[in-house]
């Protein structure tokens, strides 16, 4: 009787301790053939023989990997590997950016080890896998409009307590334009005040520092249309 082939998994998370923990968790399971390495040349991943089926990485590197997979730069000896992100962020923009760029799985670093195993198995079967809290985050905000990139700029400055005139000076735009953005933000966030808007934005992860310019413009079109 032939034994099933182990799923080839590349672990290349940017944080060494997290990377080592992922590899250790999966390495004791005979269903996985795990390779651990630091993030490097994405173009090499598709040249492994046999190729990797799942790549586990951090948010920014995961988005880059998924986009290279879409462009065909990770494909040579077989299908493009599916990307599983393990991130400490459960912010809305982080999750949406990753999914829109082609990431198939998203876990937070607070997940249980069994969720990691389930996620890898699901992606190897061609399925998506989102941790429960990630699904809840998306469900809570799916009917709400996202702020545009410029509104996010205004929101970040507004959260520091700056008035419209000061925000206008920082962004080199008219104070009237800032006022329009603030009004739009209060509506989109269903917030009665500027302070409430900043609090809601923080809870939704809209002010996550690394989200800015995380995805290229073509993957932010829906933001600009909001």
Foldseek 3Di string as FASTA:
>chain_A
DDDDDAAEEEEAAQDVVVSVVLCVLCVVPPNHDYDYDHDDDLLCQQVDVVHHQEYEYAQLVLLVNLQCLVVVSNHDNDHRHAYAHEAQDLAPLSVLSNVLSGHQEYHYVPDDSVLSVVQSVQSSVVHGYYDPSSVVLCVVPVPFAAAALVLLLLLLVVQVVDDLVVSCVVVVHDSVVSVVSQVVLCVRQVHPDSNRSNVSCVVNVSNPPCSVPSDDPVSRVSNVVD
